[in-house]
N, C-alpha and C. Protein backbone atom coordinates (compact mmCIF):
# COMPACT_ATOMS: atom_id res chain seq x y z
N MET A 1 48.24 -102.44 -22.92
CA MET A 1 48.81 -101.91 -24.15
C MET A 1 50.11 -101.06 -23.86
N ALA A 2 50.98 -101.39 -24.62
CA ALA A 2 52.29 -100.42 -24.19
C ALA A 2 52.19 -99.07 -24.63
N ALA A 3 53.13 -98.08 -23.75
CA ALA A 3 53.00 -96.83 -23.82
C ALA A 3 53.82 -96.61 -25.17
N TRP A 4 53.48 -95.36 -25.80
CA TRP A 4 54.14 -94.85 -27.23
C TRP A 4 55.60 -94.87 -27.02
N TRP A 5 56.22 -94.52 -25.77
CA TRP A 5 57.48 -94.26 -25.52
C TRP A 5 58.02 -95.35 -24.92
N GLU A 6 57.61 -96.59 -24.82
CA GLU A 6 58.49 -97.66 -24.22
C GLU A 6 59.72 -98.25 -24.88
N ALA A 7 59.68 -97.80 -26.09
CA ALA A 7 61.42 -98.04 -26.90
C ALA A 7 62.07 -97.36 -26.41
N GLY A 8 61.76 -96.12 -25.68
CA GLY A 8 62.61 -95.21 -25.22
C GLY A 8 62.54 -93.89 -26.31
N LEU A 9 63.39 -92.90 -25.91
CA LEU A 9 63.13 -91.54 -26.53
C LEU A 9 64.49 -90.96 -26.23
N PRO A 10 64.92 -90.27 -27.50
CA PRO A 10 66.29 -89.57 -27.21
C PRO A 10 66.14 -88.35 -26.70
N PHE A 11 67.25 -88.26 -25.82
CA PHE A 11 67.24 -86.90 -24.89
C PHE A 11 68.65 -86.87 -24.15
N ALA A 12 69.26 -85.60 -24.53
CA ALA A 12 70.20 -85.26 -23.77
C ALA A 12 70.56 -83.86 -23.44
N CYS A 13 70.44 -83.56 -21.94
CA CYS A 13 70.38 -81.99 -21.82
C CYS A 13 71.41 -81.32 -22.65
N THR A 14 71.08 -80.03 -23.19
CA THR A 14 71.96 -79.19 -24.17
C THR A 14 72.65 -77.80 -23.20
N GLN A 15 71.71 -78.05 -22.00
CA GLN A 15 71.99 -76.83 -21.17
C GLN A 15 71.57 -75.53 -21.87
N SER A 16 70.42 -75.54 -22.56
CA SER A 16 70.10 -74.32 -23.31
C SER A 16 69.29 -73.42 -22.46
N GLY A 17 68.98 -74.03 -21.37
CA GLY A 17 68.06 -73.15 -20.40
C GLY A 17 66.69 -72.93 -20.65
N LYS A 18 66.28 -73.48 -21.87
CA LYS A 18 64.94 -73.21 -22.15
C LYS A 18 63.77 -73.61 -21.12
N CYS A 19 64.15 -74.99 -20.49
CA CYS A 19 62.95 -75.41 -19.77
C CYS A 19 62.97 -74.65 -18.53
N CYS A 20 64.18 -73.74 -18.12
CA CYS A 20 63.69 -73.03 -17.22
C CYS A 20 63.30 -71.55 -17.39
N HIS A 21 62.48 -71.44 -18.42
CA HIS A 21 61.83 -70.08 -18.80
C HIS A 21 60.44 -70.49 -18.83
N ALA A 22 59.48 -69.08 -18.55
CA ALA A 22 58.06 -69.27 -18.72
C ALA A 22 57.87 -69.58 -19.85
N ARG A 23 56.76 -70.29 -20.32
CA ARG A 23 56.18 -70.53 -21.92
C ARG A 23 54.87 -70.92 -21.68
N ASN A 24 53.97 -70.12 -22.53
CA ASN A 24 52.64 -70.61 -22.58
C ASN A 24 51.79 -70.60 -21.31
N GLY A 25 52.02 -69.63 -20.24
CA GLY A 25 51.45 -69.25 -19.18
C GLY A 25 51.81 -70.42 -18.12
N TYR A 26 53.10 -71.25 -18.52
CA TYR A 26 53.32 -72.19 -17.67
C TYR A 26 54.93 -71.73 -17.03
N ALA A 27 54.77 -71.22 -15.78
CA ALA A 27 55.87 -70.71 -15.00
C ALA A 27 55.78 -71.19 -13.57
N HIS A 28 55.97 -72.53 -13.47
CA HIS A 28 56.24 -72.84 -12.16
C HIS A 28 56.75 -74.19 -11.75
N VAL A 29 57.50 -74.29 -10.57
CA VAL A 29 58.29 -75.56 -10.17
C VAL A 29 57.65 -75.37 -8.76
N HIS A 30 56.85 -76.75 -8.76
CA HIS A 30 55.96 -76.95 -7.37
C HIS A 30 57.05 -77.45 -6.39
N LEU A 31 57.26 -77.49 -5.28
CA LEU A 31 58.09 -77.93 -4.33
C LEU A 31 57.41 -78.65 -3.07
N SER A 32 57.83 -80.02 -2.91
CA SER A 32 57.38 -80.61 -1.77
C SER A 32 58.05 -79.94 -0.45
N ARG A 33 57.69 -80.34 0.49
CA ARG A 33 58.47 -79.77 1.85
C ARG A 33 59.55 -80.27 2.04
N ARG A 34 59.71 -81.92 1.46
CA ARG A 34 61.40 -82.41 1.51
C ARG A 34 61.98 -81.46 0.75
N GLU A 35 61.61 -81.22 -0.46
CA GLU A 35 62.51 -80.21 -1.54
C GLU A 35 62.87 -78.91 -1.30
N GLN A 36 61.83 -78.32 -0.38
CA GLN A 36 62.16 -77.02 0.34
C GLN A 36 63.19 -77.05 1.23
N LEU A 37 62.98 -78.28 2.14
CA LEU A 37 63.97 -78.43 3.05
C LEU A 37 65.61 -78.46 2.56
N HIS A 38 65.27 -79.29 1.43
CA HIS A 38 66.81 -79.75 0.98
C HIS A 38 67.41 -78.39 0.24
N LEU A 39 66.67 -77.67 -0.25
CA LEU A 39 67.04 -76.72 -1.15
C LEU A 39 67.65 -75.53 -0.01
N ALA A 40 66.69 -75.33 0.87
CA ALA A 40 67.37 -74.43 2.04
C ALA A 40 68.62 -74.74 2.51
N ARG A 41 68.90 -76.11 2.89
CA ARG A 41 69.98 -76.74 3.40
C ARG A 41 71.22 -76.28 2.17
N HIS A 42 70.84 -76.68 1.18
CA HIS A 42 71.82 -76.40 0.15
C HIS A 42 72.45 -74.99 0.18
N LEU A 43 71.47 -74.06 0.09
CA LEU A 43 71.68 -72.63 0.26
C LEU A 43 72.30 -72.04 1.54
N GLY A 44 72.27 -72.94 2.55
CA GLY A 44 72.52 -72.46 3.79
C GLY A 44 71.78 -71.71 4.44
N LEU A 45 70.38 -71.86 4.49
CA LEU A 45 69.57 -71.03 4.85
C LEU A 45 68.41 -71.42 5.79
N LYS A 46 67.71 -70.81 6.40
CA LYS A 46 66.49 -71.53 7.38
C LYS A 46 65.42 -71.65 6.45
N LEU A 47 64.58 -72.40 6.72
CA LEU A 47 63.56 -72.72 5.83
C LEU A 47 62.63 -71.49 5.53
N SER A 48 62.49 -70.65 6.66
CA SER A 48 61.69 -69.55 6.50
C SER A 48 62.56 -68.52 5.63
N GLU A 49 63.65 -68.52 5.33
CA GLU A 49 64.47 -67.48 4.80
C GLU A 49 64.56 -67.96 3.17
N PHE A 50 64.56 -69.23 3.03
CA PHE A 50 64.23 -69.77 1.67
C PHE A 50 63.05 -69.63 1.21
N LEU A 51 62.05 -69.56 1.59
CA LEU A 51 60.63 -69.67 1.53
C LEU A 51 60.34 -68.25 0.95
N GLU A 52 60.83 -67.42 1.99
CA GLU A 52 60.57 -65.98 1.75
C GLU A 52 61.31 -65.17 0.40
N ARG A 53 62.57 -65.67 0.21
CA ARG A 53 63.38 -65.37 -0.79
C ARG A 53 63.05 -65.80 -2.11
N TYR A 54 62.80 -67.31 -2.11
CA TYR A 54 62.71 -67.85 -3.55
C TYR A 54 61.43 -68.46 -3.95
N THR A 55 60.57 -68.54 -2.98
CA THR A 55 59.29 -68.95 -3.33
C THR A 55 57.76 -68.38 -3.33
N GLU A 56 56.95 -68.76 -3.64
CA GLU A 56 55.33 -68.12 -3.64
C GLU A 56 54.56 -69.23 -3.47
N GLN A 57 53.31 -68.83 -2.91
CA GLN A 57 52.39 -69.89 -2.99
C GLN A 57 51.18 -69.52 -3.85
N ASP A 58 50.84 -70.47 -4.59
CA ASP A 58 49.43 -70.20 -5.52
C ASP A 58 48.31 -70.63 -4.81
N ALA A 59 47.16 -70.11 -5.49
CA ALA A 59 46.04 -70.23 -4.87
C ALA A 59 45.41 -71.38 -4.55
N ASP A 60 45.85 -72.63 -4.89
CA ASP A 60 45.77 -73.84 -4.16
C ASP A 60 46.71 -74.10 -3.10
N GLY A 61 47.45 -73.38 -2.63
CA GLY A 61 48.32 -73.45 -1.39
C GLY A 61 49.77 -74.34 -1.76
N HIS A 62 49.85 -74.44 -3.18
CA HIS A 62 51.23 -75.12 -3.45
C HIS A 62 52.20 -74.19 -3.26
N VAL A 63 53.23 -74.68 -2.95
CA VAL A 63 54.69 -73.87 -2.87
C VAL A 63 55.34 -74.04 -4.03
N GLY A 64 56.05 -72.90 -4.83
CA GLY A 64 56.64 -73.09 -5.66
C GLY A 64 57.62 -72.06 -6.19
N LEU A 65 58.63 -72.20 -6.88
CA LEU A 65 59.92 -71.43 -7.38
C LEU A 65 59.25 -70.15 -7.86
N ARG A 66 59.83 -69.00 -7.63
CA ARG A 66 59.56 -67.80 -8.33
C ARG A 66 60.05 -67.71 -9.68
N PHE A 67 59.47 -66.89 -10.44
CA PHE A 67 59.87 -66.83 -11.64
C PHE A 67 59.98 -65.32 -12.24
N PRO A 68 60.87 -64.76 -11.35
CA PRO A 68 60.98 -63.28 -11.83
C PRO A 68 61.36 -63.00 -13.31
N SER A 69 60.87 -62.19 -14.09
CA SER A 69 61.46 -61.79 -15.30
C SER A 69 61.24 -63.00 -16.36
N GLY A 70 60.10 -63.99 -15.86
CA GLY A 70 59.83 -64.84 -16.65
C GLY A 70 60.84 -66.25 -16.88
N GLN A 71 61.90 -66.34 -15.54
CA GLN A 71 62.73 -67.50 -15.59
C GLN A 71 62.92 -67.74 -14.16
N CYS A 72 63.13 -69.16 -14.21
CA CYS A 72 63.39 -69.79 -12.57
C CYS A 72 64.35 -68.75 -11.78
N VAL A 73 64.02 -68.52 -10.52
CA VAL A 73 64.83 -67.56 -9.85
C VAL A 73 66.60 -68.20 -9.81
N PHE A 74 66.57 -69.58 -10.02
CA PHE A 74 67.91 -70.35 -9.83
C PHE A 74 68.58 -70.20 -11.02
N LEU A 75 67.96 -70.04 -12.48
CA LEU A 75 68.55 -69.75 -13.61
C LEU A 75 69.72 -68.93 -13.87
N GLU A 76 70.95 -68.96 -13.72
CA GLU A 76 71.70 -67.94 -13.93
C GLU A 76 72.58 -68.27 -15.44
N GLY A 77 72.39 -67.39 -16.29
CA GLY A 77 72.87 -67.61 -17.78
C GLY A 77 72.03 -68.84 -18.35
N LYS A 78 72.58 -69.80 -18.56
CA LYS A 78 72.05 -71.11 -19.11
C LYS A 78 72.08 -72.36 -18.24
N SER A 79 72.50 -71.72 -16.90
CA SER A 79 72.91 -72.73 -15.79
C SER A 79 72.14 -72.70 -14.35
N CYS A 80 71.86 -73.84 -14.10
CA CYS A 80 71.04 -73.93 -12.73
C CYS A 80 72.06 -73.90 -11.35
N SER A 81 71.92 -72.91 -10.73
CA SER A 81 72.93 -72.34 -9.78
C SER A 81 72.22 -73.34 -8.61
N VAL A 82 71.45 -74.15 -8.78
CA VAL A 82 71.14 -75.29 -7.58
C VAL A 82 71.10 -76.61 -8.32
N HIS A 83 72.03 -77.05 -9.05
CA HIS A 83 71.80 -77.99 -9.95
C HIS A 83 72.15 -79.23 -8.90
N ALA A 84 72.94 -79.25 -8.04
CA ALA A 84 73.08 -80.52 -7.04
C ALA A 84 71.96 -80.53 -6.22
N ALA A 85 70.91 -79.80 -5.98
CA ALA A 85 69.75 -79.96 -5.27
C ALA A 85 68.45 -79.65 -6.19
N LYS A 86 68.66 -80.03 -7.32
CA LYS A 86 67.34 -79.61 -8.23
C LYS A 86 66.21 -80.46 -7.80
N PRO A 87 64.93 -79.73 -7.91
CA PRO A 87 63.58 -80.45 -7.61
C PRO A 87 63.53 -81.51 -8.67
N VAL A 88 62.85 -82.52 -8.03
CA VAL A 88 62.34 -83.57 -9.16
C VAL A 88 61.71 -83.33 -10.37
N GLN A 89 61.06 -82.23 -10.28
CA GLN A 89 60.23 -81.77 -11.40
C GLN A 89 61.23 -81.36 -12.49
N CYS A 90 62.27 -80.60 -11.91
CA CYS A 90 63.58 -80.18 -12.77
C CYS A 90 64.30 -81.37 -13.44
N ARG A 91 64.69 -82.26 -12.44
CA ARG A 91 65.49 -83.39 -12.97
C ARG A 91 64.90 -84.24 -13.86
N THR A 92 63.10 -84.38 -13.80
CA THR A 92 62.61 -85.52 -14.93
C THR A 92 62.42 -84.89 -15.89
N TRP A 93 62.30 -83.53 -16.32
CA TRP A 93 62.07 -83.10 -17.69
C TRP A 93 62.87 -83.73 -18.66
N PRO A 94 62.21 -84.04 -19.67
CA PRO A 94 60.97 -83.64 -20.24
C PRO A 94 59.97 -84.92 -20.09
N PHE A 95 60.15 -85.88 -19.09
CA PHE A 95 59.60 -86.91 -18.88
C PHE A 95 58.42 -87.07 -17.82
N TRP A 96 57.59 -85.78 -17.89
CA TRP A 96 56.47 -85.70 -17.42
C TRP A 96 55.10 -86.35 -17.39
N PRO A 97 54.26 -86.77 -16.89
CA PRO A 97 52.81 -87.51 -17.37
C PRO A 97 52.09 -86.66 -18.16
N GLU A 98 52.11 -85.52 -18.25
CA GLU A 98 51.13 -84.56 -18.82
C GLU A 98 51.83 -84.48 -20.34
N LEU A 99 53.16 -84.86 -20.42
CA LEU A 99 53.80 -84.46 -21.80
C LEU A 99 53.97 -85.93 -22.50
N LEU A 100 54.04 -86.96 -21.59
CA LEU A 100 53.86 -88.11 -22.20
C LEU A 100 52.64 -88.89 -22.85
N ARG A 101 51.44 -88.04 -22.50
CA ARG A 101 49.98 -88.60 -22.63
C ARG A 101 50.02 -89.23 -23.98
N SER A 102 50.59 -88.47 -24.90
CA SER A 102 50.59 -88.99 -26.61
C SER A 102 52.02 -88.36 -27.21
N ARG A 103 52.04 -89.03 -28.17
CA ARG A 103 53.39 -88.55 -29.07
C ARG A 103 53.00 -87.12 -29.68
N ALA A 104 51.78 -86.75 -29.90
CA ALA A 104 51.48 -85.40 -30.40
C ALA A 104 51.90 -84.36 -29.36
N ILE A 105 51.38 -84.42 -28.48
CA ILE A 105 51.81 -83.63 -27.06
C ILE A 105 53.14 -83.59 -26.98
N TYR A 106 53.97 -84.71 -26.95
CA TYR A 106 55.23 -84.63 -26.80
C TYR A 106 56.18 -83.79 -27.76
N ASP A 107 55.83 -84.20 -29.13
CA ASP A 107 56.27 -83.54 -30.22
C ASP A 107 55.85 -81.98 -30.39
N ARG A 108 54.67 -81.54 -29.91
CA ARG A 108 54.52 -80.14 -29.54
C ARG A 108 55.03 -79.19 -28.51
N GLU A 109 55.25 -79.94 -27.38
CA GLU A 109 55.45 -79.41 -26.06
C GLU A 109 56.77 -79.53 -25.80
N VAL A 110 57.52 -80.58 -26.35
CA VAL A 110 58.84 -81.07 -26.01
C VAL A 110 59.73 -80.91 -26.95
N ARG A 111 59.37 -81.75 -28.04
CA ARG A 111 60.47 -81.99 -29.30
C ARG A 111 60.77 -80.41 -30.00
N ALA A 112 59.35 -79.76 -30.22
CA ALA A 112 59.41 -78.54 -30.84
C ALA A 112 60.16 -77.50 -30.37
N TYR A 113 60.05 -77.70 -28.85
CA TYR A 113 60.75 -76.60 -27.90
C TYR A 113 62.31 -76.90 -27.49
N CYS A 114 62.54 -78.03 -26.99
CA CYS A 114 63.81 -78.36 -26.59
C CYS A 114 64.79 -79.06 -27.42
N PRO A 115 65.97 -78.55 -27.63
CA PRO A 115 66.98 -79.01 -28.47
C PRO A 115 67.50 -80.50 -28.03
N GLY A 116 67.35 -80.72 -26.63
CA GLY A 116 68.28 -81.97 -26.08
C GLY A 116 67.20 -83.12 -26.61
N SER A 117 65.81 -83.13 -26.96
CA SER A 117 64.86 -84.03 -27.16
C SER A 117 64.87 -84.46 -28.64
N ARG A 118 65.73 -83.79 -29.40
CA ARG A 118 65.77 -84.18 -30.72
C ARG A 118 67.01 -85.15 -31.25
N ALA A 119 67.72 -84.95 -30.27
CA ALA A 119 69.22 -85.93 -30.58
C ALA A 119 69.82 -86.56 -29.23
N GLY A 120 70.56 -87.17 -29.35
CA GLY A 120 71.25 -87.55 -27.98
C GLY A 120 71.07 -88.94 -27.83
N PRO A 121 71.33 -89.61 -26.82
CA PRO A 121 71.32 -91.13 -26.70
C PRO A 121 69.96 -91.36 -26.33
N ILE A 122 69.56 -92.62 -26.45
CA ILE A 122 68.05 -93.12 -26.28
C ILE A 122 67.94 -93.38 -24.68
N VAL A 123 67.04 -92.72 -24.12
CA VAL A 123 66.63 -92.77 -23.02
C VAL A 123 65.53 -93.94 -22.70
N SER A 124 66.13 -95.13 -22.00
CA SER A 124 65.32 -96.35 -21.85
C SER A 124 63.85 -96.15 -21.54
N GLY A 125 62.93 -96.90 -22.13
CA GLY A 125 61.41 -96.84 -21.39
C GLY A 125 61.40 -97.11 -19.96
N ALA A 126 62.28 -97.98 -19.57
CA ALA A 126 62.46 -98.29 -18.01
C ALA A 126 62.91 -96.89 -17.31
N SER A 127 63.99 -96.34 -17.86
CA SER A 127 64.25 -94.82 -17.00
C SER A 127 63.17 -93.98 -17.09
N ILE A 128 62.41 -93.83 -18.24
CA ILE A 128 61.52 -93.00 -18.52
C ILE A 128 60.30 -93.49 -17.43
N ALA A 129 60.19 -94.64 -17.31
CA ALA A 129 58.95 -94.99 -16.42
C ALA A 129 59.32 -94.71 -14.91
N ARG A 130 60.49 -94.93 -14.42
CA ARG A 130 61.08 -94.49 -13.23
C ARG A 130 60.90 -93.22 -12.85
N GLN A 131 61.30 -92.18 -14.05
CA GLN A 131 61.13 -90.81 -13.87
C GLN A 131 59.74 -90.51 -13.66
N LEU A 132 59.10 -91.26 -14.53
CA LEU A 132 57.13 -90.58 -14.34
C LEU A 132 56.79 -90.91 -12.92
N ARG A 133 57.28 -92.05 -12.51
CA ARG A 133 56.92 -92.74 -10.97
C ARG A 133 57.28 -91.60 -10.19
N GLU A 134 58.87 -91.12 -10.18
CA GLU A 134 59.16 -90.34 -9.34
C GLU A 134 58.44 -88.96 -9.30
N THR A 135 57.99 -88.52 -10.41
CA THR A 135 57.48 -87.34 -10.78
C THR A 135 55.81 -87.39 -10.04
N GLU A 136 55.26 -88.52 -10.18
CA GLU A 136 54.01 -88.83 -9.75
C GLU A 136 54.17 -88.70 -8.07
N ASP A 137 55.07 -89.51 -7.63
CA ASP A 137 55.32 -89.55 -6.24
C ASP A 137 55.28 -88.16 -5.45
N VAL A 138 56.09 -87.17 -6.08
CA VAL A 138 56.35 -85.96 -5.57
C VAL A 138 55.01 -85.21 -5.76
N ASP A 139 54.55 -85.29 -6.73
CA ASP A 139 53.18 -84.60 -6.92
C ASP A 139 52.17 -84.89 -5.82
N GLU A 140 52.17 -86.42 -5.69
CA GLU A 140 51.20 -86.60 -4.75
C GLU A 140 51.39 -86.37 -3.27
N THR A 141 52.56 -86.26 -3.09
CA THR A 141 53.51 -85.63 -1.72
C THR A 141 52.83 -84.62 -1.73
N GLU A 142 53.23 -83.59 -2.69
CA GLU A 142 53.01 -82.12 -2.59
C GLU A 142 51.59 -81.55 -2.15
N SER A 143 50.89 -82.76 -3.03
CA SER A 143 49.14 -82.35 -3.36
C SER A 143 48.98 -82.70 -1.75
N ARG A 144 49.31 -83.60 -0.85
CA ARG A 144 49.08 -83.72 0.31
C ARG A 144 49.32 -82.78 1.24
N GLU A 145 50.49 -82.43 1.04
CA GLU A 145 50.79 -81.29 1.82
C GLU A 145 50.17 -79.87 1.70
N ALA A 146 50.00 -79.50 0.44
CA ALA A 146 48.98 -78.43 0.36
C ALA A 146 47.56 -78.54 1.00
N ASP A 147 47.15 -79.49 0.96
CA ASP A 147 45.79 -79.81 1.48
C ASP A 147 45.81 -80.31 3.21
N GLY A 148 46.91 -79.91 3.50
CA GLY A 148 47.45 -80.42 5.05
C GLY A 148 47.32 -81.92 5.51
N ARG A 149 47.20 -82.51 4.64
CA ARG A 149 47.21 -84.07 4.95
C ARG A 149 48.57 -84.58 5.71
N ASP A 150 49.63 -83.84 5.54
CA ASP A 150 50.85 -84.38 5.73
C ASP A 150 51.37 -83.67 6.68
């Protein structure tokens, strides 16, 4: 059976910064080890300095970005200060598996919240599928790392 979004969905980032704010108890961007290293290099920091300054570990051992004052530590105004080194979770918004489970979930969690999801060019179903795979690959890598399997 075809996915409900297979014909594509409209999306163009409007740089509202809304996706970088905590919402409904959701305030995390998990980072794989590769993403941690990439961000540390991008910022010219040792990994240990980057981790201490910008991340926290949750109860399950996942490393994620801090959200002081309810927003991502890298949000400056409405812009991402590490845009060139954005984690996959940020780059693939709003095409996450949990948001694409149904049209109702997408409408409630994305369209009602994100102005860029209501207009703009159509992102093809193939592109959405690629972003889903990329997100799932990072999620699996990050889970293995938290479990000490990597």
